[in-house]
């Protein structure tokens, strides 16, 4: 039962990544559990609520930076669209997670004009 509830909570988090009110308390309320229970569920998975949210936001930003569909957006816009409120924190966390800056990641993606004709 707990595993299914945790999957539902994780899906809720993914759907609400851009919300500035993505807190353990708000998610716990939506799932009718206490914030402590929610934290314990993540602890049992060897992570924390905060780390899970950060990982999901970074993964979203990474996908956007690697997709030509988002070339029209600035890196700052991608950070904000991924749920980050602080560009400096985003840059630091991104580099720590992926070993490259957001700019380097974006520039490493082949573009149509990079492909030999």
PDB file of N, CA and C in Angstrom:
ATOM      1  N   UNK A   1       0.834  -1.203   0.000  1.00  0.00           N
ATOM      2  CA  UNK A   1       0.000   0.000   0.000  1.00  0.00           C
ATOM      3  C   UNK A   1       0.871   1.256   0.000  1.00  0.00           C
ATOM      4  N   UNK A   2       1.907   1.265   0.831  1.00  0.00           N
ATOM      5  CA  UNK A   2       2.795   2.430   0.902  1.00  0.00           C
ATOM      6  C   UNK A   2       3.506   2.681  -0.422  1.00  0.00           C
ATOM      7  N   UNK A   3       3.903   1.607  -1.101  1.00  0.00           N
ATOM      8  CA  UNK A   3       4.606   1.762  -2.377  1.00  0.00           C
ATOM      9  C   UNK A   3       3.704   2.439  -3.399  1.00  0.00           C
ATOM     10  N   UNK A   4       2.448   2.059  -3.457  1.00  0.00           N
ATOM     11  CA  UNK A   4       1.506   2.678  -4.388  1.00  0.00           C
ATOM     12  C   UNK A   4       1.265   4.129  -4.017  1.00  0.00           C
ATOM     13  N   UNK A   5       1.178   4.390  -2.729  1.00  0.00           N
ATOM     14  CA  UNK A   5       0.977   5.771  -2.273  1.00  0.00           C
ATOM     15  C   UNK A   5       2.197   6.625  -2.611  1.00  0.00           C
ATOM     16  N   UNK A   6       3.390   6.080  -2.426  1.00  0.00           N
ATOM     17  CA  UNK A   6       4.599   6.825  -2.766  1.00  0.00           C
ATOM     18  C   UNK A   6       4.653   7.108  -4.263  1.00  0.00           C
ATOM     19  N   UNK A   7       4.293   6.135  -5.096  1.00  0.00           N
ATOM     20  CA  UNK A   7       4.268   6.375  -6.548  1.00  0.00           C
ATOM     21  C   UNK A   7       3.279   7.486  -6.908  1.00  0.00           C
ATOM     22  N   UNK A   8       2.142   7.502  -6.247  1.00  0.00           N
ATOM     23  CA  UNK A   8       1.156   8.556  -6.490  1.00  0.00           C
ATOM     24  C   UNK A   8       1.714   9.913  -6.069  1.00  0.00           C
ATOM     25  N   UNK A   9       2.409   9.941  -4.965  1.00  0.00           N
ATOM     26  CA  UNK A   9       3.020  11.189  -4.490  1.00  0.00           C
ATOM     27  C   UNK A   9       4.106  11.646  -5.458  1.00  0.00           C
ATOM     28  N   UNK A  10       4.913  10.714  -5.934  1.00  0.00           N
ATOM     29  CA  UNK A  10       5.964  11.072  -6.893  1.00  0.00           C
ATOM     30  C   UNK A  10       5.363  11.615  -8.186  1.00  0.00           C
ATOM     31  N   UNK A  11       4.280  11.040  -8.647  1.00  0.00           N
ATOM     32  CA  UNK A  11       3.602  11.546  -9.842  1.00  0.00           C
ATOM     33  C   UNK A  11       3.041  12.941  -9.589  1.00  0.00           C
ATOM     34  N   UNK A  12       2.494  13.155  -8.413  1.00  0.00           N
ATOM     35  CA  UNK A  12       1.983  14.476  -8.030  1.00  0.00           C
ATOM     36  C   UNK A  12       3.121  15.501  -8.084  1.00  0.00           C
ATOM     37  N   UNK A  13       4.256  15.142  -7.547  1.00  0.00           N
ATOM     38  CA  UNK A  13       5.413  16.048  -7.549  1.00  0.00           C
ATOM     39  C   UNK A  13       5.807  16.375  -8.990  1.00  0.00           C
ATOM     40  N   UNK A  14       5.883  15.371  -9.841  1.00  0.00           N
ATOM     41  CA  UNK A  14       6.265  15.602 -11.238  1.00  0.00           C
ATOM     42  C   UNK A  14       5.267  16.521 -11.945  1.00  0.00           C
ATOM     43  N   UNK A  15       3.988  16.379 -11.631  1.00  0.00           N
ATOM     44  CA  UNK A  15       2.966  17.241 -12.246  1.00  0.00           C
ATOM     45  C   UNK A  15       3.036  18.674 -11.736  1.00  0.00           C
ATOM     46  N   UNK A  16       3.596  18.860 -10.556  1.00  0.00           N
ATOM     47  CA  UNK A  16       3.605  20.177  -9.922  1.00  0.00           C
ATOM     48  C   UNK A  16       5.007  20.754  -9.733  1.00  0.00           C
ATOM     49  N   UNK A  17       5.962  20.303 -10.535  1.00  0.00           N
ATOM     50  CA  UNK A  17       7.356  20.736 -10.377  1.00  0.00           C
ATOM     51  C   UNK A  17       7.529  22.244 -10.413  1.00  0.00           C
ATOM     52  N   UNK A  18       6.736  22.921 -11.193  1.00  0.00           N
ATOM     53  CA  UNK A  18       6.927  24.361 -11.352  1.00  0.00           C
ATOM     54  C   UNK A  18       6.237  25.177 -10.270  1.00  0.00           C
ATOM     55  N   UNK A  19       5.489  24.531  -9.423  1.00  0.00           N
ATOM     56  CA  UNK A  19       4.782  25.237  -8.349  1.00  0.00           C
ATOM     57  C   UNK A  19       5.770  25.751  -7.311  1.00  0.00           C
ATOM     58  N   UNK A  20       5.609  26.983  -6.931  1.00  0.00           N
ATOM     59  CA  UNK A  20       6.456  27.563  -5.874  1.00  0.00           C
ATOM     60  C   UNK A  20       6.015  27.057  -4.507  1.00  0.00           C
ATOM     61  N   UNK A  21       4.845  26.419  -4.457  1.00  0.00           N
ATOM     62  CA  UNK A  21       4.310  25.891  -3.202  1.00  0.00           C
ATOM     63  C   UNK A  21       4.444  24.379  -3.156  1.00  0.00           C
ATOM     64  N   UNK A  22       5.510  23.851  -3.706  1.00  0.00           N
ATOM     65  CA  UNK A  22       5.750  22.409  -3.686  1.00  0.00           C
ATOM     66  C   UNK A  22       6.533  22.093  -2.416  1.00  0.00           C
ATOM     67  N   UNK A  23       5.799  21.869  -1.353  1.00  0.00           N
ATOM     68  CA  UNK A  23       6.398  21.611  -0.047  1.00  0.00           C
ATOM     69  C   UNK A  23       5.907  20.258   0.462  1.00  0.00           C
ATOM     70  N   UNK A  24       6.625  19.684   1.413  1.00  0.00           N
ATOM     71  CA  UNK A  24       6.134  18.431   1.997  1.00  0.00           C
ATOM     72  C   UNK A  24       4.724  18.591   2.567  1.00  0.00           C
ATOM     73  N   UNK A  25       4.472  19.733   3.168  1.00  0.00           N
ATOM     74  CA  UNK A  25       3.163  19.965   3.774  1.00  0.00           C
ATOM     75  C   UNK A  25       2.050  20.019   2.734  1.00  0.00           C
ATOM     76  N   UNK A  26       2.288  20.725   1.624  1.00  0.00           N
ATOM     77  CA  UNK A  26       1.242  20.843   0.599  1.00  0.00           C
ATOM     78  C   UNK A  26       0.978  19.497  -0.085  1.00  0.00           C
ATOM     79  N   UNK A  27       2.034  18.748  -0.362  1.00  0.00           N
ATOM     80  CA  UNK A  27       1.869  17.440  -0.999  1.00  0.00           C
ATOM     81  C   UNK A  27       1.203  16.471  -0.024  1.00  0.00           C
ATOM     82  N   UNK A  28       1.630  16.485   1.223  1.00  0.00           N
ATOM     83  CA  UNK A  28       1.039  15.601   2.232  1.00  0.00           C
ATOM     84  C   UNK A  28      -0.458  15.869   2.378  1.00  0.00           C
ATOM     85  N   UNK A  29      -0.821  17.136   2.394  1.00  0.00           N
ATOM     86  CA  UNK A  29      -2.247  17.494   2.490  1.00  0.00           C
ATOM     87  C   UNK A  29      -3.040  16.894   1.338  1.00  0.00           C
ATOM     88  N   UNK A  30      -2.505  17.004   0.119  1.00  0.00           N
ATOM     89  CA  UNK A  30      -3.209  16.479  -1.051  1.00  0.00           C
ATOM     90  C   UNK A  30      -3.375  14.968  -0.996  1.00  0.00           C
ATOM     91  N   UNK A  31      -2.501  14.290  -0.242  1.00  0.00           N
ATOM     92  CA  UNK A  31      -2.546  12.833  -0.185  1.00  0.00           C
ATOM     93  C   UNK A  31      -3.029  12.316   1.173  1.00  0.00           C
ATOM     94  N   UNK A  32      -3.532  13.215   1.979  1.00  0.00           N
ATOM     95  CA  UNK A  32      -4.126  12.863   3.274  1.00  0.00           C
ATOM     96  C   UNK A  32      -3.177  12.072   4.179  1.00  0.00           C
ATOM     97  N   UNK A  33      -1.924  12.516   4.208  1.00  0.00           N
ATOM     98  CA  UNK A  33      -0.947  11.958   5.140  1.00  0.00           C
ATOM     99  C   UNK A  33      -0.274  13.130   5.848  1.00  0.00           C
ATOM    100  N   UNK A  34       0.397  12.837   6.932  1.00  0.00           N
ATOM    101  CA  UNK A  34       1.126  13.898   7.616  1.00  0.00           C
ATOM    102  C   UNK A  34       2.439  14.174   6.883  1.00  0.00           C
ATOM    103  N   UNK A  35       2.972  15.359   7.093  1.00  0.00           N
ATOM    104  CA  UNK A  35       4.259  15.705   6.485  1.00  0.00           C
ATOM    105  C   UNK A  35       5.347  14.756   6.994  1.00  0.00           C
ATOM    106  N   UNK A  36       5.238  14.358   8.244  1.00  0.00           N
ATOM    107  CA  UNK A  36       6.222  13.419   8.800  1.00  0.00           C
ATOM    108  C   UNK A  36       6.144  12.065   8.091  1.00  0.00           C
ATOM    109  N   UNK A  37       4.939  11.585   7.858  1.00  0.00           N
ATOM    110  CA  UNK A  37       4.764  10.318   7.136  1.00  0.00           C
ATOM    111  C   UNK A  37       5.349  10.434   5.740  1.00  0.00           C
ATOM    112  N   UNK A  38       5.088  11.555   5.097  1.00  0.00           N
ATOM    113  CA  UNK A  38       5.625  11.782   3.752  1.00  0.00           C
ATOM    114  C   UNK A  38       7.151  11.737   3.774  1.00  0.00           C
ATOM    115  N   UNK A  39       7.746  12.439   4.718  1.00  0.00           N
ATOM    116  CA  UNK A  39       9.211  12.437   4.833  1.00  0.00           C
ATOM    117  C   UNK A  39       9.739  11.027   5.091  1.00  0.00           C
ATOM    118  N   UNK A  40       9.038  10.281   5.940  1.00  0.00           N
ATOM    119  CA  UNK A  40       9.458   8.906   6.234  1.00  0.00           C
ATOM    120  C   UNK A  40       9.382   8.019   4.990  1.00  0.00           C
ATOM    121  N   UNK A  41       8.388   8.244   4.150  1.00  0.00           N
ATOM    122  CA  UNK A  41       8.258   7.458   2.922  1.00  0.00           C
ATOM    123  C   UNK A  41       9.478   7.663   2.027  1.00  0.00           C
ATOM    124  N   UNK A  42       9.931   8.911   1.917  1.00  0.00           N
ATOM    125  CA  UNK A  42      11.117   9.186   1.104  1.00  0.00           C
ATOM    126  C   UNK A  42      12.375   8.652   1.787  1.00  0.00           C
ATOM    127  N   UNK A  43      12.421   8.759   3.101  1.00  0.00           N
ATOM    128  CA  UNK A  43      13.573   8.243   3.848  1.00  0.00           C
ATOM    129  C   UNK A  43      13.731   6.745   3.620  1.00  0.00           C
ATOM    130  N   UNK A  44      12.613   6.035   3.557  1.00  0.00           N
ATOM    131  CA  UNK A  44      12.655   4.592   3.305  1.00  0.00           C
ATOM    132  C   UNK A  44      13.185   4.270   1.907  1.00  0.00           C
ATOM    133  N   UNK A  45      13.178   5.259   1.028  1.00  0.00           N
ATOM    134  CA  UNK A  45      13.722   5.101  -0.331  1.00  0.00           C
ATOM    135  C   UNK A  45      15.149   5.655  -0.420  1.00  0.00           C
ATOM    136  N   UNK A  46      15.746   5.943   0.740  1.00  0.00           N
ATOM    137  CA  UNK A  46      17.116   6.462   0.844  1.00  0.00           C
ATOM    138  C   UNK A  46      17.279   7.819   0.171  1.00  0.00           C
ATOM    139  N   UNK A  47      16.250   8.649   0.279  1.00  0.00           N
ATOM    140  CA  UNK A  47      16.325  10.018  -0.231  1.00  0.00           C
ATOM    141  C   UNK A  47      15.478  10.903   0.669  1.00  0.00           C
ATOM    142  N   UNK A  48      15.368  12.152   0.294  1.00  0.00           N
ATOM    143  CA  UNK A  48      14.499  13.077   1.005  1.00  0.00           C
ATOM    144  C   UNK A  48      13.536  13.695   0.007  1.00  0.00           C
ATOM    145  N   UNK A  49      12.490  14.283   0.519  1.00  0.00           N
ATOM    146  CA  UNK A  49      11.537  14.983  -0.331  1.00  0.00           C
ATOM    147  C   UNK A  49      12.265  16.045  -1.146  1.00  0.00           C
ATOM    148  N   UNK A  50      13.080  16.833  -0.477  1.00  0.00           N
ATOM    149  CA  UNK A  50      13.798  17.932  -1.130  1.00  0.00           C
ATOM    150  C   UNK A  50      14.728  17.419  -2.218  1.00  0.00           C
ATOM    151  N   UNK A  51      15.462  16.364  -1.939  1.00  0.00           N
ATOM    152  CA  UNK A  51      16.379  15.808  -2.943  1.00  0.00           C
ATOM    153  C   UNK A  51      15.612  15.245  -4.137  1.00  0.00           C
ATOM    154  N   UNK A  52      14.474  14.623  -3.873  1.00  0.00           N
ATOM    155  CA  UNK A  52      13.666  14.080  -4.967  1.00  0.00           C
ATOM    156  C   UNK A  52      13.156  15.198  -5.865  1.00  0.00           C
ATOM    157  N   UNK A  53      12.637  16.256  -5.257  1.00  0.00           N
ATOM    158  CA  UNK A  53      12.137  17.399  -6.036  1.00  0.00           C
ATOM    159  C   UNK A  53      13.278  18.017  -6.838  1.00  0.00           C
ATOM    160  N   UNK A  54      14.422  18.221  -6.214  1.00  0.00           N
ATOM    161  CA  UNK A  54      15.571  18.796  -6.914  1.00  0.00           C
ATOM    162  C   UNK A  54      15.962  17.936  -8.105  1.00  0.00           C
ATOM    163  N   UNK A  55      16.046  16.631  -7.915  1.00  0.00           N
ATOM    164  CA  UNK A  55      16.434  15.724  -9.001  1.00  0.00           C
ATOM    165  C   UNK A  55      15.431  15.802 -10.156  1.00  0.00           C
ATOM    166  N   UNK A  56      14.161  15.864  -9.849  1.00  0.00           N
ATOM    167  CA  UNK A  56      13.136  15.937 -10.894  1.00  0.00           C
ATOM    168  C   UNK A  56      13.209  17.269 -11.645  1.00  0.00           C
ATOM    169  N   UNK A  57      13.440  18.357 -10.916  1.00  0.00           N
ATOM    170  CA  UNK A  57      13.567  19.672 -11.565  1.00  0.00           C
ATOM    171  C   UNK A  57      14.814  19.732 -12.441  1.00  0.00           C
ATOM    172  N   UNK A  58      15.912  19.187 -11.950  1.00  0.00           N
ATOM    173  CA  UNK A  58      17.133  19.167 -12.755  1.00  0.00           C
ATOM    174  C   UNK A  58      16.947  18.314 -14.006  1.00  0.00           C
ATOM    175  N   UNK A  59      16.287  17.182 -13.874  1.00  0.00           N
ATOM    176  CA  UNK A  59      16.050  16.312 -15.032  1.00  0.00           C
ATOM    177  C   UNK A  59      15.181  17.023 -16.066  1.00  0.00           C
ATOM    178  N   UNK A  60      14.169  17.752 -15.617  1.00  0.00           N
ATOM    179  CA  UNK A  60      13.317  18.509 -16.543  1.00  0.00           C
ATOM    180  C   UNK A  60      14.140  19.572 -17.267  1.00  0.00           C
ATOM    181  N   UNK A  61      14.941  20.320 -16.521  1.00  0.00           N
ATOM    182  CA  UNK A  61      15.780  21.355 -17.135  1.00  0.00           C
ATOM    183  C   UNK A  61      16.759  20.731 -18.127  1.00  0.00           C
ATOM    184  N   UNK A  62      17.340  19.606 -17.781  1.00  0.00           N
ATOM    185  CA  UNK A  62      18.284  18.928 -18.669  1.00  0.00           C
ATOM    186  C   UNK A  62      17.605  18.516 -19.970  1.00  0.00           C
ATOM    187  N   UNK A  63      16.406  17.933 -19.860  1.00  0.00           N
ATOM    188  CA  UNK A  63      15.665  17.544 -21.070  1.00  0.00           C
ATOM    189  C   UNK A  63      15.375  18.760 -21.944  1.00  0.00           C
ATOM    190  N   UNK A  64      15.016  19.866 -21.327  1.00  0.00           N
ATOM    191  CA  UNK A  64      14.712  21.079 -22.084  1.00  0.00           C
ATOM    192  C   UNK A  64      15.964  21.634 -22.759  1.00  0.00           C
ATOM    193  N   UNK A  65      17.084  21.619 -22.047  1.00  0.00           N
ATOM    194  CA  UNK A  65      18.330  22.133 -22.615  1.00  0.00           C
ATOM    195  C   UNK A  65      18.830  21.265 -23.770  1.00  0.00           C
ATOM    196  N   UNK A  66      18.495  19.985 -23.743  1.00  0.00           N
ATOM    197  CA  UNK A  66      18.945  19.061 -24.783  1.00  0.00           C
ATOM    198  C   UNK A  66      17.968  18.968 -25.954  1.00  0.00           C
ATOM    199  N   UNK A  67      16.864  19.669 -25.864  1.00  0.00           N
ATOM    200  CA  UNK A  67      15.860  19.619 -26.922  1.00  0.00           C
ATOM    201  C   UNK A  67      15.855  20.921 -27.712  1.00  0.00           C
ATOM    202  N   UNK A  68      15.884  20.784 -29.023  1.00  0.00           N
ATOM    203  CA  UNK A  68      15.834  21.979 -29.871  1.00  0.00           C
ATOM    204  C   UNK A  68      14.476  22.678 -29.778  1.00  0.00           C
ATOM    205  N   UNK A  69      13.491  22.009 -29.245  1.00  0.00           N
ATOM    206  CA  UNK A  69      12.174  22.633 -29.087  1.00  0.00           C
ATOM    207  C   UNK A  69      12.208  23.846 -28.156  1.00  0.00           C
ATOM    208  N   UNK A  70      13.241  23.897 -27.302  1.00  0.00           N
ATOM    209  CA  UNK A  70      13.330  24.975 -26.319  1.00  0.00           C
ATOM    210  C   UNK A  70      14.465  25.954 -26.619  1.00  0.00           C
ATOM    211  N   UNK A  71      15.011  25.901 -27.834  1.00  0.00           N
ATOM    212  CA  UNK A  71      16.094  26.811 -28.219  1.00  0.00           C
ATOM    213  C   UNK A  71      15.707  28.281 -28.079  1.00  0.00           C
ATOM    214  N   UNK A  72      14.435  28.575 -28.220  1.00  0.00           N
ATOM    215  CA  UNK A  72      13.974  29.967 -28.149  1.00  0.00           C
ATOM    216  C   UNK A  72      13.967  30.502 -26.712  1.00  0.00           C
ATOM    217  N   UNK A  73      14.095  29.614 -25.728  1.00  0.00           N
ATOM    218  CA  UNK A  73      14.095  30.039 -24.329  1.00  0.00           C
ATOM    219  C   UNK A  73      15.516  30.280 -23.833  1.00  0.00           C
ATOM    220  N   UNK A  74      15.670  31.280 -23.008  1.00  0.00           N
ATOM    221  CA  UNK A  74      16.957  31.497 -22.357  1.00  0.00           C
ATOM    222  C   UNK A  74      17.154  30.422 -21.292  1.00  0.00           C
ATOM    223  N   UNK A  75      18.372  30.265 -20.867  1.00  0.00           N
ATOM    224  CA  UNK A  75      18.651  29.310 -19.799  1.00  0.00           C
ATOM    225  C   UNK A  75      17.927  29.728 -18.528  1.00  0.00           C
ATOM    226  N   UNK A  76      17.858  31.010 -18.264  1.00  0.00           N
ATOM    227  CA  UNK A  76      17.111  31.486 -17.091  1.00  0.00           C
ATOM    228  C   UNK A  76      15.648  31.097 -17.178  1.00  0.00           C
ATOM    229  N   UNK A  77      15.065  31.251 -18.352  1.00  0.00           N
ATOM    230  CA  UNK A  77      13.657  30.885 -18.530  1.00  0.00           C
ATOM    231  C   UNK A  77      13.460  29.385 -18.315  1.00  0.00           C
ATOM    232  N   UNK A  78      14.388  28.584 -18.801  1.00  0.00           N
ATOM    233  CA  UNK A  78      14.296  27.138 -18.591  1.00  0.00           C
ATOM    234  C   UNK A  78      14.400  26.820 -17.106  1.00  0.00           C
ATOM    235  N   UNK A  79      15.301  27.486 -16.415  1.00  0.00           N
ATOM    236  CA  UNK A  79      15.430  27.269 -14.965  1.00  0.00           C
ATOM    237  C   UNK A  79      14.118  27.600 -14.261  1.00  0.00           C
ATOM    238  N   UNK A  80      13.550  28.746 -14.572  1.00  0.00           N
ATOM    239  CA  UNK A  80      12.295  29.138 -13.929  1.00  0.00           C
ATOM    240  C   UNK A  80      11.157  28.212 -14.335  1.00  0.00           C
ATOM    241  N   UNK A  81      11.117  27.795 -15.603  1.00  0.00           N
ATOM    242  CA  UNK A  81      10.082  26.869 -16.080  1.00  0.00           C
ATOM    243  C   UNK A  81      10.228  25.474 -15.475  1.00  0.00           C
ATOM    244  N   UNK A  82      11.399  25.192 -14.928  1.00  0.00           N
ATOM    245  CA  UNK A  82      11.639  23.902 -14.276  1.00  0.00           C
ATOM    246  C   UNK A  82      11.391  23.975 -12.768  1.00  0.00           C
ATOM    247  N   UNK A  83      10.985  25.135 -12.294  1.00  0.00           N
ATOM    248  CA  UNK A  83      10.642  25.269 -10.884  1.00  0.00           C
ATOM    249  C   UNK A  83      11.687  25.924 -10.011  1.00  0.00           C
ATOM    250  N   UNK A  84      12.779  26.379 -10.599  1.00  0.00           N
ATOM    251  CA  UNK A  84      13.819  27.036  -9.813  1.00  0.00           C
ATOM    252  C   UNK A  84      13.502  28.526  -9.679  1.00  0.00           C
ATOM    253  N   UNK A  85      13.673  29.056  -8.494  1.00  0.00           N
ATOM    254  CA  UNK A  85      13.426  30.471  -8.258  1.00  0.00           C
ATOM    255  C   UNK A  85      14.707  31.284  -8.203  1.00  0.00           C
ATOM    256  N   UNK A  86      15.840  30.611  -8.214  1.00  0.00           N
ATOM    257  CA  UNK A  86      17.138  31.281  -8.077  1.00  0.00           C
ATOM    258  C   UNK A  86      18.085  30.723  -9.134  1.00  0.00           C
ATOM    259  N   UNK A  87      18.483  31.543 -10.083  1.00  0.00           N
ATOM    260  CA  UNK A  87      19.312  31.094 -11.202  1.00  0.00           C
ATOM    261  C   UNK A  87      20.700  30.645 -10.729  1.00  0.00           C
ATOM    262  N   UNK A  88      21.232  31.308  -9.723  1.00  0.00           N
ATOM    263  CA  UNK A  88      22.545  30.928  -9.202  1.00  0.00           C
ATOM    264  C   UNK A  88      22.495  29.525  -8.594  1.00  0.00           C
ATOM    265  N   UNK A  89      21.474  29.262  -7.822  1.00  0.00           N
ATOM    266  CA  UNK A  89      21.303  27.930  -7.230  1.00  0.00           C
ATOM    267  C   UNK A  89      21.106  26.892  -8.328  1.00  0.00           C
ATOM    268  N   UNK A  90      20.302  27.221  -9.333  1.00  0.00           N
ATOM    269  CA  UNK A  90      20.090  26.315 -10.452  1.00  0.00           C
ATOM    270  C   UNK A  90      21.421  25.972 -11.117  1.00  0.00           C
ATOM    271  N   UNK A  91      22.214  26.973 -11.453  1.00  0.00           N
ATOM    272  CA  UNK A  91      23.493  26.740 -12.123  1.00  0.00           C
ATOM    273  C   UNK A  91      24.408  25.851 -11.288  1.00  0.00           C
ATOM    274  N   UNK A  92      24.476  26.130  -9.996  1.00  0.00           N
ATOM    275  CA  UNK A  92      25.326  25.338  -9.099  1.00  0.00           C
ATOM    276  C   UNK A  92      24.836  23.891  -9.016  1.00  0.00           C
ATOM    277  N   UNK A  93      23.544  23.704  -8.800  1.00  0.00           N
ATOM    278  CA  UNK A  93      22.981  22.361  -8.664  1.00  0.00           C
ATOM    279  C   UNK A  93      23.113  21.587  -9.978  1.00  0.00           C
ATOM    280  N   UNK A  94      22.902  22.261 -11.098  1.00  0.00           N
ATOM    281  CA  UNK A  94      22.994  21.614 -12.404  1.00  0.00           C
ATOM    282  C   UNK A  94      24.421  21.126 -12.651  1.00  0.00           C
ATOM    283  N   UNK A  95      25.359  21.981 -12.382  1.00  0.00           N
ATOM    284  CA  UNK A  95      26.764  21.607 -12.608  1.00  0.00           C
ATOM    285  C   UNK A  95      27.187  20.450 -11.690  1.00  0.00           C
ATOM    286  N   UNK A  96      26.722  20.507 -10.442  1.00  0.00           N
ATOM    287  CA  UNK A  96      27.042  19.436  -9.496  1.00  0.00           C
ATOM    288  C   UNK A  96      26.427  18.109  -9.973  1.00  0.00           C
ATOM    289  N   UNK A  97      25.229  18.148 -10.506  1.00  0.00           N
ATOM    290  CA  UNK A  97      24.530  16.928 -10.930  1.00  0.00           C
ATOM    291  C   UNK A  97      25.067  16.374 -12.247  1.00  0.00           C
ATOM    292  N   UNK A  98      25.288  17.266 -13.225  1.00  0.00           N
ATOM    293  CA  UNK A  98      25.640  16.806 -14.574  1.00  0.00           C
ATOM    294  C   UNK A  98      27.106  17.008 -14.946  1.00  0.00           C
ATOM    295  N   UNK A  99      27.873  17.681 -14.120  1.00  0.00           N
ATOM    296  CA  UNK A  99      29.288  17.872 -14.400  1.00  0.00           C
ATOM    297  C   UNK A  99      29.561  18.846 -15.523  1.00  0.00           C
ATOM    298  N   UNK A 100      28.573  19.623 -15.870  1.00  0.00           N
ATOM    299  CA  UNK A 100      28.706  20.632 -16.927  1.00  0.00           C
ATOM    300  C   UNK A 100      27.728  21.759 -16.632  1.00  0.00           C
ATOM    301  N   UNK A 101      28.029  22.930 -17.156  1.00  0.00           N
ATOM    302  CA  UNK A 101      27.106  24.044 -16.966  1.00  0.00           C
ATOM    303  C   UNK A 101      25.895  23.866 -17.878  1.00  0.00           C
ATOM    304  N   UNK A 102      24.801  24.545 -17.573  1.00  0.00           N
ATOM    305  CA  UNK A 102      23.656  24.507 -18.480  1.00  0.00           C
ATOM    306  C   UNK A 102      24.029  24.965 -19.892  1.00  0.00           C
ATOM    307  N   UNK A 103      24.859  25.988 -20.002  1.00  0.00           N
ATOM    308  CA  UNK A 103      25.295  26.470 -21.327  1.00  0.00           C
ATOM    309  C   UNK A 103      26.079  25.407 -22.074  1.00  0.00           C
ATOM    310  N   UNK A 104      27.007  24.758 -21.379  1.00  0.00           N
ATOM    311  CA  UNK A 104      27.795  23.702 -22.018  1.00  0.00           C
ATOM    312  C   UNK A 104      26.898  22.559 -22.464  1.00  0.00           C
ATOM    313  N   UNK A 105      25.935  22.229 -21.671  1.00  0.00           N
ATOM    314  CA  UNK A 105      24.998  21.153 -22.013  1.00  0.00           C
ATOM    315  C   UNK A 105      24.207  21.520 -23.252  1.00  0.00           C
ATOM    316  N   UNK A 106      23.684  22.725 -23.276  1.00  0.00           N
ATOM    317  CA  UNK A 106      22.916  23.174 -24.442  1.00  0.00           C
ATOM    318  C   UNK A 106      23.791  23.202 -25.690  1.00  0.00           C
ATOM    319  N   UNK A 107      25.007  23.694 -25.556  1.00  0.00           N
ATOM    320  CA  UNK A 107      25.902  23.810 -26.715  1.00  0.00           C
ATOM    321  C   UNK A 107      26.391  22.460 -27.232  1.00  0.00           C
ATOM    322  N   UNK A 108      26.310  21.416 -26.409  1.00  0.00           N
ATOM    323  CA  UNK A 108      26.751  20.076 -26.819  1.00  0.00           C
ATOM    324  C   UNK A 108      25.724  19.354 -27.668  1.00  0.00           C
ATOM    325  N   UNK A 109      24.511  19.882 -27.727  1.00  0.00           N
ATOM    326  CA  UNK A 109      23.447  19.247 -28.515  1.00  0.00           C
ATOM    327  C   UNK A 109      23.617  19.608 -29.975  1.00  0.00           C
ATOM    328  N   UNK A 110      23.698  18.599 -30.838  1.00  0.00           N
ATOM    329  CA  UNK A 110      23.834  18.893 -32.272  1.00  0.00           C
ATOM    330  C   UNK A 110      22.637  19.700 -32.793  1.00  0.00           C
ATOM    331  N   UNK A 111      22.924  20.684 -33.567  1.00  0.00           N
ATOM    332  CA  UNK A 111      21.899  21.519 -34.192  1.00  0.00           C
ATOM    333  C   UNK A 111      21.818  21.170 -35.665  1.00  0.00           C
ATOM    334  N   UNK A 112      20.729  21.521 -36.291  1.00  0.00           N
ATOM    335  CA  UNK A 112      20.527  21.208 -37.704  1.00  0.00           C
ATOM    336  C   UNK A 112      21.667  21.749 -38.558  1.00  0.00           C
ATOM    337  N   UNK A 113      22.153  22.945 -38.214  1.00  0.00           N
ATOM    338  CA  UNK A 113      23.222  23.526 -39.021  1.00  0.00           C
ATOM    339  C   UNK A 113      24.594  22.925 -38.700  1.00  0.00           C
ATOM    340  N   UNK A 114      24.677  22.050 -37.656  1.00  0.00           N
ATOM    341  CA  UNK A 114      25.906  21.368 -37.318  1.00  0.00           C
ATOM    342  C   UNK A 114      26.085  20.062 -38.101  1.00  0.00           C
ATOM    343  N   UNK A 115      25.006  19.583 -38.677  1.00  0.00           N
ATOM    344  CA  UNK A 115      25.024  18.284 -39.362  1.00  0.00           C
ATOM    345  C   UNK A 115      25.561  18.485 -40.772  1.00  0.00           C
ATOM    346  N   UNK A 116      26.586  17.711 -41.137  1.00  0.00           N
ATOM    347  CA  UNK A 116      27.134  17.852 -42.501  1.00  0.00           C
ATOM    348  C   UNK A 116      26.058  17.523 -43.530  1.00  0.00           C
ATOM    349  N   UNK A 117      26.036  18.313 -44.608  1.00  0.00           N
ATOM    350  CA  UNK A 117      25.001  18.189 -45.617  1.00  0.00           C
ATOM    351  C   UNK A 117      25.302  17.218 -46.653  1.00  0.00           C
TER     352      UNK A 117
END
